[in-house]
Amino acid sequence: MKKRLSSLIISTYNWPEALALVLKSLKNQIVLPDEVLIADDGSTPETKTLITKISKDISIPIRHIWHEDVGFTKSIILNKAIAQSQGEYIIQVDGDCIMHSHFIKDHLQFSSENCYLYGSRVNIQKAHLDTLFKEQQVVFGPFSEGIKKRTRAIYSPLLSNFYKANHQFSKKFRGCNTSYFKSDFIAVNGYNEDFKGWGREDSELALRFHNFGLKSRRLRYRGIVYHVFHVEKSKSRLELNNDIELKTINEHLSWTANGIDKYLKAL
């Protein structure tokens, strides 16, 4: 595995109980990232208190990048965090996605030029939440209680080798489990900040990656996260967000005018 300076970006909003499990799973990593940046979309001080406490028990730097709560502006806070990252390689998860112990190692091992990666997401069911938080569970397998789509929880380096990089965008892509070179992210100007509210900000970024000429590789049977059940966020702006994504598709766009560059200039 080629050594790359890596930054783990964790997006979060007002759910410190779930974030605590994600950070506990960070401690279990076979390979640690070089730094962690928590992209906080306006949480209350409880989240900052948690991060300060947990940072004392982790050997790598953890930085809390916060802005005021003005609604769902995940694209903006991710751009702000990634602009401040020091890593050559960005690994991205959500603050409700518990990482398999090989998660960081897998993303780094398969990182390659002109390619971005995306892994599998196993869903933790609502009925298991009381047990999850009571036991502070961060270790799962295909036969664990409380999960669905169990085949996604199978960890198999042998089977993962059947999945190769290609130029096709996959609807299985999720921004809660992806990685890419920071230079590629900057080349497409990062997330499109025209996205407000839930939906399409991640897939639109991936589409612009492809329009820029990147391949994608699915980390099937590796790079696994376990997504903690929560009530779906409002989809009131989904139609507007769909229109932004359709414009990217129809016009074969690789660059967004409203992206990360403004924060890079300010550094």
C-alpha atoms as a PDB file:
ATOM      1  CA  MET A   1       0.000   0.000   0.000  1.00  0.00           C
ATOM      2  CA  LYS A   2       1.468   3.341  -1.055  1.00  0.00           C
ATOM      3  CA  LYS A   3       1.585   5.760   1.860  1.00  0.00           C
ATOM      4  CA  ARG A   4      -0.738   8.694   1.242  1.00  0.00           C
ATOM      5  CA  LEU A   5      -1.426  11.507   3.666  1.00  0.00           C
ATOM      6  CA  SER A   6      -5.122  10.979   4.337  1.00  0.00           C
ATOM      7  CA  SER A   7      -7.967  12.997   5.831  1.00  0.00           C
ATOM      8  CA  LEU A   8     -11.151  11.418   7.160  1.00  0.00           C
ATOM      9  CA  ILE A   9     -14.137  13.758   6.771  1.00  0.00           C
ATOM     10  CA  ILE A  10     -17.158  13.019   8.984  1.00  0.00           C
ATOM     11  CA  SER A  11     -20.331  15.024   8.363  1.00  0.00           C
ATOM     12  CA  THR A  12     -22.698  15.467  11.303  1.00  0.00           C
ATOM     13  CA  TYR A  13     -25.718  17.373  12.565  1.00  0.00           C
ATOM     14  CA  ASN A  14     -27.188  17.222  16.078  1.00  0.00           C
ATOM     15  CA  TRP A  15     -26.786  13.526  16.795  1.00  0.00           C
ATOM     16  CA  PRO A  16     -23.854  13.175  19.197  1.00  0.00           C
ATOM     17  CA  GLU A  17     -24.971   9.694  20.314  1.00  0.00           C
ATOM     18  CA  ALA A  18     -24.424   8.332  16.789  1.00  0.00           C
ATOM     19  CA  LEU A  19     -21.257  10.361  16.255  1.00  0.00           C
ATOM     20  CA  ALA A  20     -19.830   8.835  19.438  1.00  0.00           C
ATOM     21  CA  LEU A  21     -20.185   5.365  17.907  1.00  0.00           C
ATOM     22  CA  VAL A  22     -18.553   6.496  14.671  1.00  0.00           C
ATOM     23  CA  LEU A  23     -15.605   7.883  16.607  1.00  0.00           C
ATOM     24  CA  LYS A  24     -15.433   4.702  18.695  1.00  0.00           C
ATOM     25  CA  SER A  25     -15.178   2.740  15.434  1.00  0.00           C
ATOM     26  CA  LEU A  26     -12.344   5.087  14.430  1.00  0.00           C
ATOM     27  CA  LYS A  27     -10.361   3.838  17.432  1.00  0.00           C
ATOM     28  CA  ASN A  28     -10.788   0.264  16.126  1.00  0.00           C
ATOM     29  CA  GLN A  29      -9.258   0.961  12.721  1.00  0.00           C
ATOM     30  CA  ILE A  30      -6.418  -1.313  11.601  1.00  0.00           C
ATOM     31  CA  VAL A  31      -4.958   1.737   9.844  1.00  0.00           C
ATOM     32  CA  LEU A  32      -5.726   5.248  11.052  1.00  0.00           C
ATOM     33  CA  PRO A  33      -6.071   8.311   8.830  1.00  0.00           C
ATOM     34  CA  ASP A  34      -3.576  11.116   9.402  1.00  0.00           C
ATOM     35  CA  GLU A  35      -6.299  13.487  10.599  1.00  0.00           C
ATOM     36  CA  VAL A  36     -10.044  13.744  11.130  1.00  0.00           C
ATOM     37  CA  LEU A  37     -12.195  16.734  10.269  1.00  0.00           C
ATOM     38  CA  ILE A  38     -15.765  16.753  11.542  1.00  0.00           C
ATOM     39  CA  ALA A  39     -17.943  18.782   9.176  1.00  0.00           C
ATOM     40  CA  ASP A  40     -20.695  20.040  11.471  1.00  0.00           C
ATOM     41  CA  ASP A  41     -23.744  21.574   9.789  1.00  0.00           C
ATOM     42  CA  GLY A  42     -24.721  23.665  12.823  1.00  0.00           C
ATOM     43  CA  SER A  43     -25.055  21.303  15.793  1.00  0.00           C
ATOM     44  CA  THR A  44     -25.676  22.524  19.334  1.00  0.00           C
ATOM     45  CA  PRO A  45     -22.728  22.696  21.820  1.00  0.00           C
ATOM     46  CA  GLU A  46     -23.337  19.105  22.940  1.00  0.00           C
ATOM     47  CA  THR A  47     -21.574  17.862  19.809  1.00  0.00           C
ATOM     48  CA  LYS A  48     -18.550  20.084  20.416  1.00  0.00           C
ATOM     49  CA  THR A  49     -18.328  18.803  23.999  1.00  0.00           C
ATOM     50  CA  LEU A  50     -18.343  15.213  22.751  1.00  0.00           C
ATOM     51  CA  ILE A  51     -15.620  15.882  20.175  1.00  0.00           C
ATOM     52  CA  THR A  52     -13.417  17.631  22.742  1.00  0.00           C
ATOM     53  CA  LYS A  53     -13.762  14.693  25.145  1.00  0.00           C
ATOM     54  CA  ILE A  54     -13.117  11.955  22.583  1.00  0.00           C
ATOM     55  CA  SER A  55     -10.207  13.820  20.983  1.00  0.00           C
ATOM     56  CA  LYS A  56      -8.216  13.283  24.185  1.00  0.00           C
ATOM     57  CA  ASP A  57      -8.356   9.506  23.667  1.00  0.00           C
ATOM     58  CA  ILE A  58      -7.379   9.407  19.989  1.00  0.00           C
ATOM     59  CA  SER A  59      -3.776   9.706  18.837  1.00  0.00           C
ATOM     60  CA  ILE A  60      -4.481  11.665  15.634  1.00  0.00           C
ATOM     61  CA  PRO A  61      -5.661  15.278  15.268  1.00  0.00           C
ATOM     62  CA  ILE A  62      -9.434  15.822  15.242  1.00  0.00           C
ATOM     63  CA  ARG A  63     -10.712  19.197  14.073  1.00  0.00           C
ATOM     64  CA  HIS A  64     -14.257  20.432  14.456  1.00  0.00           C
ATOM     65  CA  ILE A  65     -15.378  22.550  11.488  1.00  0.00           C
ATOM     66  CA  TRP A  66     -18.700  24.206  12.394  1.00  0.00           C
ATOM     67  CA  HIS A  67     -20.991  26.817  10.929  1.00  0.00           C
ATOM     68  CA  GLU A  68     -24.303  28.282  11.990  1.00  0.00           C
ATOM     69  CA  ASP A  69     -27.459  26.212  11.539  1.00  0.00           C
ATOM     70  CA  VAL A  70     -29.376  27.711   8.616  1.00  0.00           C
ATOM     71  CA  GLY A  71     -30.983  24.455   7.459  1.00  0.00           C
ATOM     72  CA  PHE A  72     -29.576  21.496   5.553  1.00  0.00           C
ATOM     73  CA  THR A  73     -26.403  22.873   3.949  1.00  0.00           C
ATOM     74  CA  LYS A  74     -24.250  19.760   3.923  1.00  0.00           C
ATOM     75  CA  SER A  75     -22.552  20.719   0.645  1.00  0.00           C
ATOM     76  CA  ILE A  76     -21.286  23.954   2.166  1.00  0.00           C
ATOM     77  CA  ILE A  77     -19.874  22.500   5.381  1.00  0.00           C
ATOM     78  CA  LEU A  78     -18.193  19.641   3.493  1.00  0.00           C
ATOM     79  CA  ASN A  79     -16.491  22.129   1.186  1.00  0.00           C
ATOM     80  CA  LYS A  80     -15.350  24.170   4.180  1.00  0.00           C
ATOM     81  CA  ALA A  81     -13.924  21.101   5.919  1.00  0.00           C
ATOM     82  CA  ILE A  82     -12.198  19.664   2.863  1.00  0.00           C
ATOM     83  CA  ALA A  83     -10.682  23.070   2.082  1.00  0.00           C
ATOM     84  CA  GLN A  84      -8.984  22.948   5.486  1.00  0.00           C
ATOM     85  CA  SER A  85      -7.839  19.335   5.198  1.00  0.00           C
ATOM     86  CA  GLN A  86      -4.146  18.533   4.942  1.00  0.00           C
ATOM     87  CA  GLY A  87      -4.477  15.141   3.292  1.00  0.00           C
ATOM     88  CA  GLU A  88      -3.677  14.223  -0.278  1.00  0.00           C
ATOM     89  CA  TYR A  89      -6.479  11.672  -0.104  1.00  0.00           C
ATOM     90  CA  ILE A  90      -9.990  12.267   1.275  1.00  0.00           C
ATOM     91  CA  ILE A  91     -12.098   9.529   2.872  1.00  0.00           C
ATOM     92  CA  GLN A  92     -15.676  10.525   3.612  1.00  0.00           C
ATOM     93  CA  VAL A  93     -18.355   9.124   5.915  1.00  0.00           C
ATOM     94  CA  ASP A  94     -21.482  10.419   7.609  1.00  0.00           C
ATOM     95  CA  GLY A  95     -21.787  10.854  11.350  1.00  0.00           C
ATOM     96  CA  ASP A  96     -24.315   8.011  11.537  1.00  0.00           C
ATOM     97  CA  CYS A  97     -22.145   5.420   9.752  1.00  0.00           C
ATOM     98  CA  ILE A  98     -20.094   3.086  11.934  1.00  0.00           C
ATOM     99  CA  MET A  99     -16.911   1.968  10.175  1.00  0.00           C
ATOM    100  CA  HIS A 100     -15.730  -1.616   9.781  1.00  0.00           C
ATOM    101  CA  SER A 101     -12.284  -2.027  11.360  1.00  0.00           C
ATOM    102  CA  HIS A 102     -10.635  -2.274   7.903  1.00  0.00           C
ATOM    103  CA  PHE A 103     -12.533   0.693   6.472  1.00  0.00           C
ATOM    104  CA  ILE A 104      -9.655   3.187   6.286  1.00  0.00           C
ATOM    105  CA  LYS A 105      -7.173   0.512   5.230  1.00  0.00           C
ATOM    106  CA  ASP A 106      -9.440  -0.627   2.384  1.00  0.00           C
ATOM    107  CA  HIS A 107      -9.938   2.853   0.980  1.00  0.00           C
ATOM    108  CA  LEU A 108      -6.231   3.612   1.120  1.00  0.00           C
ATOM    109  CA  GLN A 109      -5.224   0.250  -0.315  1.00  0.00           C
ATOM    110  CA  PHE A 110      -7.419   0.668  -3.378  1.00  0.00           C
ATOM    111  CA  SER A 111      -6.819   4.360  -3.947  1.00  0.00           C
ATOM    112  CA  SER A 112      -5.442   4.968  -7.438  1.00  0.00           C
ATOM    113  CA  GLU A 113      -4.914   7.849  -9.806  1.00  0.00           C
ATOM    114  CA  ASN A 114      -7.895   9.041 -11.861  1.00  0.00           C
ATOM    115  CA  CYS A 115     -10.364   7.011  -9.827  1.00  0.00           C
ATOM    116  CA  TYR A 116     -12.738   7.480  -6.900  1.00  0.00           C
ATOM    117  CA  LEU A 117     -14.037   4.704  -4.641  1.00  0.00           C
ATOM    118  CA  TYR A 118     -17.336   3.893  -2.974  1.00  0.00           C
ATOM    119  CA  GLY A 119     -18.140   1.113  -0.547  1.00  0.00           C
ATOM    120  CA  SER A 120     -21.117  -0.751   0.866  1.00  0.00           C
ATOM    121  CA  ARG A 121     -23.630   0.476   3.440  1.00  0.00           C
ATOM    122  CA  VAL A 122     -25.317  -1.991   5.786  1.00  0.00           C
ATOM    123  CA  ASN A 123     -28.495  -0.701   7.451  1.00  0.00           C
ATOM    124  CA  ILE A 124     -28.975  -1.045  11.207  1.00  0.00           C
ATOM    125  CA  GLN A 125     -32.689  -1.423  11.882  1.00  0.00           C
ATOM    126  CA  LYS A 126     -34.832   0.769  14.123  1.00  0.00           C
ATOM    127  CA  ALA A 127     -35.678  -2.087  16.491  1.00  0.00           C
ATOM    128  CA  HIS A 128     -31.977  -2.534  17.303  1.00  0.00           C
ATOM    129  CA  LEU A 129     -31.283   1.081  18.330  1.00  0.00           C
ATOM    130  CA  ASP A 130     -31.839   0.611  22.069  1.00  0.00           C
ATOM    131  CA  THR A 131     -29.368  -2.267  22.133  1.00  0.00           C
ATOM    132  CA  LEU A 132     -26.944  -0.442  19.848  1.00  0.00           C
ATOM    133  CA  PHE A 133     -26.650   2.609  22.069  1.00  0.00           C
ATOM    134  CA  LYS A 134     -26.866   0.743  25.369  1.00  0.00           C
ATOM    135  CA  GLU A 135     -24.044  -1.619  24.434  1.00  0.00           C
ATOM    136  CA  GLN A 136     -22.140   0.956  22.364  1.00  0.00           C
ATOM    137  CA  GLN A 137     -21.867  -1.663  19.640  1.00  0.00           C
ATOM    138  CA  VAL A 138     -19.468  -0.961  16.783  1.00  0.00           C
ATOM    139  CA  VAL A 139     -18.601  -4.504  15.629  1.00  0.00           C
ATOM    140  CA  PHE A 140     -20.920  -6.278  13.198  1.00  0.00           C
ATOM    141  CA  GLY A 141     -20.860  -9.217  10.830  1.00  0.00           C
ATOM    142  CA  PRO A 142     -23.268 -10.793   8.350  1.00  0.00           C
ATOM    143  CA  PHE A 143     -24.983 -12.741  11.143  1.00  0.00           C
ATOM    144  CA  SER A 144     -25.272  -9.878  13.629  1.00  0.00           C
ATOM    145  CA  GLU A 145     -28.676  -9.034  15.051  1.00  0.00           C
ATOM    146  CA  GLY A 146     -30.400  -5.860  13.987  1.00  0.00           C
ATOM    147  CA  ILE A 147     -29.132  -5.462  10.423  1.00  0.00           C
ATOM    148  CA  LYS A 148     -30.640  -6.007   6.992  1.00  0.00           C
ATOM    149  CA  LYS A 149     -29.130  -6.635   3.551  1.00  0.00           C
ATOM    150  CA  ARG A 150     -26.716  -8.991   5.264  1.00  0.00           C
ATOM    151  CA  THR A 151     -24.666  -9.842   2.185  1.00  0.00           C
ATOM    152  CA  ARG A 152     -23.321  -6.290   2.292  1.00  0.00           C
ATOM    153  CA  ALA A 153     -21.769  -7.127   5.676  1.00  0.00           C
ATOM    154  CA  ILE A 154     -19.653  -9.945   4.243  1.00  0.00           C
ATOM    155  CA  TYR A 155     -15.973  -8.996   4.383  1.00  0.00           C
ATOM    156  CA  SER A 156     -14.061 -10.893   1.703  1.00  0.00           C
ATOM    157  CA  PRO A 157     -10.849  -9.611   0.074  1.00  0.00           C
ATOM    158  CA  LEU A 158     -11.058 -12.492  -2.407  1.00  0.00           C
ATOM    159  CA  LEU A 159     -14.555 -11.650  -3.649  1.00  0.00           C
ATOM    160  CA  SER A 160     -13.779  -7.932  -3.749  1.00  0.00           C
ATOM    161  CA  ASN A 161     -11.194  -8.544  -6.463  1.00  0.00           C
ATOM    162  CA  PHE A 162     -13.964  -9.275  -8.964  1.00  0.00           C
ATOM    163  CA  TYR A 163     -14.985  -5.597  -8.911  1.00  0.00           C
ATOM    164  CA  LYS A 164     -12.909  -3.401 -11.199  1.00  0.00           C
ATOM    165  CA  ALA A 165     -12.731   0.298 -11.959  1.00  0.00           C
ATOM    166  CA  ASN A 166     -14.920   1.542 -14.827  1.00  0.00           C
ATOM    167  CA  HIS A 167     -16.310   4.719 -16.347  1.00  0.00           C
ATOM    168  CA  GLN A 168     -19.933   4.051 -15.404  1.00  0.00           C
ATOM    169  CA  PHE A 169     -21.730   6.017 -12.706  1.00  0.00           C
ATOM    170  CA  SER A 170     -23.492   3.661 -10.295  1.00  0.00           C
ATOM    171  CA  LYS A 171     -26.730   4.368  -8.469  1.00  0.00           C
ATOM    172  CA  LYS A 172     -25.217   2.369  -5.607  1.00  0.00           C
ATOM    173  CA  PHE A 173     -22.855   5.291  -4.939  1.00  0.00           C
ATOM    174  CA  ARG A 174     -23.342   6.899  -1.524  1.00  0.00           C
ATOM    175  CA  GLY A 175     -21.537   9.952  -0.190  1.00  0.00           C
ATOM    176  CA  CYS A 176     -21.520   8.345   3.254  1.00  0.00           C
ATOM    177  CA  ASN A 177     -18.870   5.904   2.023  1.00  0.00           C
ATOM    178  CA  THR A 178     -16.544   7.308  -0.603  1.00  0.00           C
ATOM    179  CA  SER A 179     -12.966   8.450  -1.147  1.00  0.00           C
ATOM    180  CA  TYR A 180     -11.051  10.445  -3.731  1.00  0.00           C
ATOM    181  CA  PHE A 181      -7.966  12.567  -4.280  1.00  0.00           C
ATOM    182  CA  LYS A 182      -8.328  16.096  -2.969  1.00  0.00           C
ATOM    183  CA  SER A 183      -6.811  17.352  -6.228  1.00  0.00           C
ATOM    184  CA  ASP A 184      -9.675  15.753  -8.199  1.00  0.00           C
ATOM    185  CA  PHE A 185     -12.220  17.269  -5.822  1.00  0.00           C
ATOM    186  CA  ILE A 186     -10.684  20.709  -6.348  1.00  0.00           C
ATOM    187  CA  ALA A 187     -10.534  20.159 -10.114  1.00  0.00           C
ATOM    188  CA  VAL A 188     -14.351  19.927 -10.258  1.00  0.00           C
ATOM    189  CA  ASN A 189     -14.685  22.676  -7.593  1.00  0.00           C
ATOM    190  CA  GLY A 190     -16.024  20.336  -4.933  1.00  0.00           C
ATOM    191  CA  TYR A 191     -19.647  20.113  -3.893  1.00  0.00           C
ATOM    192  CA  ASN A 192     -22.196  22.316  -5.634  1.00  0.00           C
ATOM    193  CA  GLU A 193     -23.468  24.663  -2.933  1.00  0.00           C
ATOM    194  CA  ASP A 194     -26.639  25.372  -4.898  1.00  0.00           C
ATOM    195  CA  PHE A 195     -27.932  22.205  -3.248  1.00  0.00           C
ATOM    196  CA  LYS A 196     -30.032  23.026  -0.207  1.00  0.00           C
ATOM    197  CA  GLY A 197     -32.016  20.430   1.688  1.00  0.00           C
ATOM    198  CA  TRP A 198     -31.661  16.680   1.371  1.00  0.00           C
ATOM    199  CA  GLY A 199     -30.881  14.927  -1.866  1.00  0.00           C
ATOM    200  CA  ARG A 200     -28.594  14.591  -4.898  1.00  0.00           C
ATOM    201  CA  GLU A 201     -25.580  16.584  -3.687  1.00  0.00           C
ATOM    202  CA  ASP A 202     -23.455  13.426  -3.500  1.00  0.00           C
ATOM    203  CA  SER A 203     -24.538  11.800  -6.768  1.00  0.00           C
ATOM    204  CA  GLU A 204     -24.140  15.088  -8.640  1.00  0.00           C
ATOM    205  CA  LEU A 205     -20.532  15.319  -7.426  1.00  0.00           C
ATOM    206  CA  ALA A 206     -19.868  11.772  -8.638  1.00  0.00           C
ATOM    207  CA  LEU A 207     -21.391  12.588 -12.024  1.00  0.00           C
ATOM    208  CA  ARG A 208     -19.044  15.540 -12.382  1.00  0.00           C
ATOM    209  CA  PHE A 209     -16.136  13.275 -11.427  1.00  0.00           C
ATOM    210  CA  HIS A 210     -17.067  11.078 -14.381  1.00  0.00           C
ATOM    211  CA  ASN A 211     -17.514  14.056 -16.700  1.00  0.00           C
ATOM    212  CA  PHE A 212     -14.018  15.136 -15.644  1.00  0.00           C
ATOM    213  CA  GLY A 213     -12.706  11.740 -16.747  1.00  0.00           C
ATOM    214  CA  LEU A 214     -12.436   9.771 -13.514  1.00  0.00           C
ATOM    215  CA  LYS A 215     -13.259   6.107 -13.196  1.00  0.00           C
ATOM    216  CA  SER A 216     -15.060   4.636 -10.185  1.00  0.00           C
ATOM    217  CA  ARG A 217     -14.487   1.411  -8.303  1.00  0.00           C
ATOM    218  CA  ARG A 218     -16.959  -0.210  -5.977  1.00  0.00           C
ATOM    219  CA  LEU A 219     -15.412  -1.654  -2.823  1.00  0.00           C
ATOM    220  CA  ARG A 220     -17.840  -4.549  -2.648  1.00  0.00           C
ATOM    221  CA  TYR A 221     -16.996  -6.874   0.271  1.00  0.00           C
ATOM    222  CA  ARG A 222     -14.623  -4.204   1.593  1.00  0.00           C
ATOM    223  CA  GLY A 223     -14.917  -0.610   2.776  1.00  0.00           C
ATOM    224  CA  ILE A 224     -18.062  -1.391   4.796  1.00  0.00           C
ATOM    225  CA  VAL A 225     -20.077   1.008   6.964  1.00  0.00           C
ATOM    226  CA  TYR A 226     -23.100   0.332   9.173  1.00  0.00           C
ATOM    227  CA  HIS A 227     -25.757   3.018   8.874  1.00  0.00           C
ATOM    228  CA  VAL A 228     -27.724   3.807  12.036  1.00  0.00           C
ATOM    229  CA  PHE A 229     -31.459   4.047  11.372  1.00  0.00           C
ATOM    230  CA  HIS A 230     -33.048   7.495  11.586  1.00  0.00           C
ATOM    231  CA  VAL A 231     -36.220   9.142  10.363  1.00  0.00           C
ATOM    232  CA  GLU A 232     -35.810  10.390   6.792  1.00  0.00           C
ATOM    233  CA  LYS A 233     -35.029  14.059   6.394  1.00  0.00           C
ATOM    234  CA  SER A 234     -37.405  16.403   4.607  1.00  0.00           C
ATOM    235  CA  LYS A 235     -37.436  16.002   0.835  1.00  0.00           C
ATOM    236  CA  SER A 236     -39.135  19.336   0.219  1.00  0.00           C
ATOM    237  CA  ARG A 237     -36.362  20.525  -2.094  1.00  0.00           C
ATOM    238  CA  LEU A 238     -35.788  17.237  -3.870  1.00  0.00           C
ATOM    239  CA  GLU A 239     -37.429  18.366  -7.120  1.00  0.00           C
ATOM    240  CA  LEU A 240     -35.213  21.464  -7.255  1.00  0.00           C
ATOM    241  CA  ASN A 241     -32.146  19.366  -6.475  1.00  0.00           C
ATOM    242  CA  ASN A 242     -33.137  16.902  -9.193  1.00  0.00           C
ATOM    243  CA  ASP A 243     -33.124  19.786 -11.665  1.00  0.00           C
ATOM    244  CA  ILE A 244     -29.573  20.734 -10.705  1.00  0.00           C
ATOM    245  CA  GLU A 245     -28.422  17.157 -11.217  1.00  0.00           C
ATOM    246  CA  LEU A 246     -30.222  16.890 -14.559  1.00  0.00           C
ATOM    247  CA  LYS A 247     -28.423  20.023 -15.748  1.00  0.00           C
ATOM    248  CA  THR A 248     -25.098  18.375 -14.887  1.00  0.00           C
ATOM    249  CA  ILE A 249     -26.114  15.280 -16.854  1.00  0.00           C
ATOM    250  CA  ASN A 250     -27.562  17.052 -19.881  1.00  0.00           C
ATOM    251  CA  GLU A 251     -24.759  19.589 -20.204  1.00  0.00           C
ATOM    252  CA  HIS A 252     -22.004  17.127 -19.287  1.00  0.00           C
ATOM    253  CA  LEU A 253     -20.702  19.496 -16.600  1.00  0.00           C
ATOM    254  CA  SER A 254     -17.557  18.802 -14.612  1.00  0.00           C
ATOM    255  CA  TRP A 255     -17.260  22.201 -12.882  1.00  0.00           C
ATOM    256  CA  THR A 256     -19.611  23.995 -10.512  1.00  0.00           C
ATOM    257  CA  ALA A 257     -19.386  27.761 -10.192  1.00  0.00           C
ATOM    258  CA  ASN A 258     -20.583  27.676  -6.579  1.00  0.00           C
ATOM    259  CA  GLY A 259     -18.005  25.399  -4.982  1.00  0.00           C
ATOM    260  CA  ILE A 260     -14.914  25.038  -2.834  1.00  0.00           C
ATOM    261  CA  ASP A 261     -12.687  27.603  -4.551  1.00  0.00           C
ATOM    262  CA  LYS A 262     -13.923  30.513  -2.406  1.00  0.00           C
ATOM    263  CA  TYR A 263     -12.631  28.808   0.747  1.00  0.00           C
ATOM    264  CA  LEU A 264      -9.289  27.882  -0.803  1.00  0.00           C
ATOM    265  CA  LYS A 265      -8.695  31.517  -1.743  1.00  0.00           C
ATOM    266  CA  ALA A 266      -9.401  32.545   1.840  1.00  0.00           C
ATOM    267  CA  LEU A 267      -6.736  30.255   3.324  1.00  0.00           C
END
